Structures are given as C-alpha cells and as structure tokens.
C-alpha cells in the first residue's frame, strides 16, 4: 500500500495552518520513468502543468534534483520559478538561490580528458554509453551484455588512470557515475536548499523529499527526523526513507493532488 494518501493529508493540514512546504523531487525514476537511454526521459505534459501550478503558490517551493547537468535538467523540466540542482547538487540555481561547488569547478578539465578517453574506448564495448556532464561523467551499461559489464569497469579504470586525478566513483541504476572528489552529495544539497528557503520567511517550513535511487539515500539520511522522505519503487530491500511509493505514477498523483488544491485553501 502507498503512503501517499496520508502524506497528502498531513500536507493539507500543514499548509492550512500557515506552514510552508519545500517539495524536493528527483528527476529520473521519480518524475519520469527509467527509460532505455538518458535522452528519452521526458516529463509528461500534465506533470509540467502541475509543477507550474505549484511554482505559483507563495507557500510552496519546488526543487528538482538530478545527476544530470543543470542546463539539461532545466531544459527537460521547462518550468520557471523552480529551484534546479544538477550534477547531484554540485550546481544549484533558482529564484534568489545560486551555488556552484568551487572544488568541482577546479576539476572540469581533468573530467574532460577522461571523457575523451572513454568515448574512444566505448566502441570496443557494445552498448556502453558515455554521458558527459559539466561536473562529471556517467557511463551507462543498460545495453551491455552481462558478461561484458566487467569490461566497462576495466575501460573506466584505464581512463581514470590516464586522467591522473582523485575522483569519486559510485553506482546508480545500471550506470557508473564519476564526480570530483569533493565532500558534497545530495544530502548536503538538500540541506543547503532547505536553509536558503528557510531564510526567505519566518513561517515554519516542512520538507518533503522524493527519490528512487541509491544517490537519494544521502538526502534521506540528511533529512531523518527533519522532514518527510519517500523512496520510489518496489524491490528495494532497505532504505533510509521513512515512506514508500510503488512507482512514478504515485508521485505524479501526489503532485497533481497538491496542484489541484485551491491556492487560497492551502495558504
């Protein structure tokens, strides 16, 4: 059973009592289903309309987070008035907020070299896809034969060795992410956004974070006891999130329900 109905009920009561809501949403696998290749992940038109409606509410702030580049994320969502966080929070931009991790900027050139090396090697591993980012790289292996996945890791190790830099490497949903070795993740990102939004008003703030991937676990941990956390999907044996939604459709229903509420009724 989904936890969405009771969460909506809590939020209705909170907003009716004069509180504010910070709604933090992951993109791939949360706002959009996981697809075969990254460029296919498009936001449904109804979801875009609902996000636009929420962006116009004075007591609700919406932030969309992703491992994607900030520019790519903003273009895919296409809603003004939201806070966008790209590259797992290394760059943040929105109304009255902006952040770019200085240590990440310093390693852009090295990441570019590694990306070039990986692109040269990609044809030797059928199905391997290299996604360049401003502050990182993603190596997708969804279409790589199971007995060839170790080759993806081997080619990645060779490219990093040639790049000659300390980097952070972690696994997502059939993807290996490479980032600058900085002390920053989605948990740090959501706390930074929360604090920035909190300073904008004296009204109490409720935080709701919804995500589906391993990288979202940092955010769940950071918000433990300080907000509502939801993991999307079934079959995940353990999560730091307090609640579960079975699928992306349930996220869309929650966002749609909030957007359909009369603005005056949730003020």
Foldseek 3Di string as FASTA:
>chain_A
DFPLVVVLVVLLVQLLVPAAEEEEEEQDFAQFDHDDDPVPTAGDPLLLVLVQLQLPFPRYAYEYEYLAAQVVVCVRSVHANHWYAYNQRQWIDHVVDTHHNPQLQVCQVLQVQLLVQCVVCVVVFPQWDWDDYRFWIKIARSPTPPVCVVVVVVSSVVSNVVSPADWDWDDKDRMIIIGRPDDDGNLNNVVVVVVSVCVVDVHHYAYEYEEAMPRCLSNLVSCVVPHAYEYEDPDDPDGSGPGYDHGNVSSSVSSNVVSPDPSVSSD
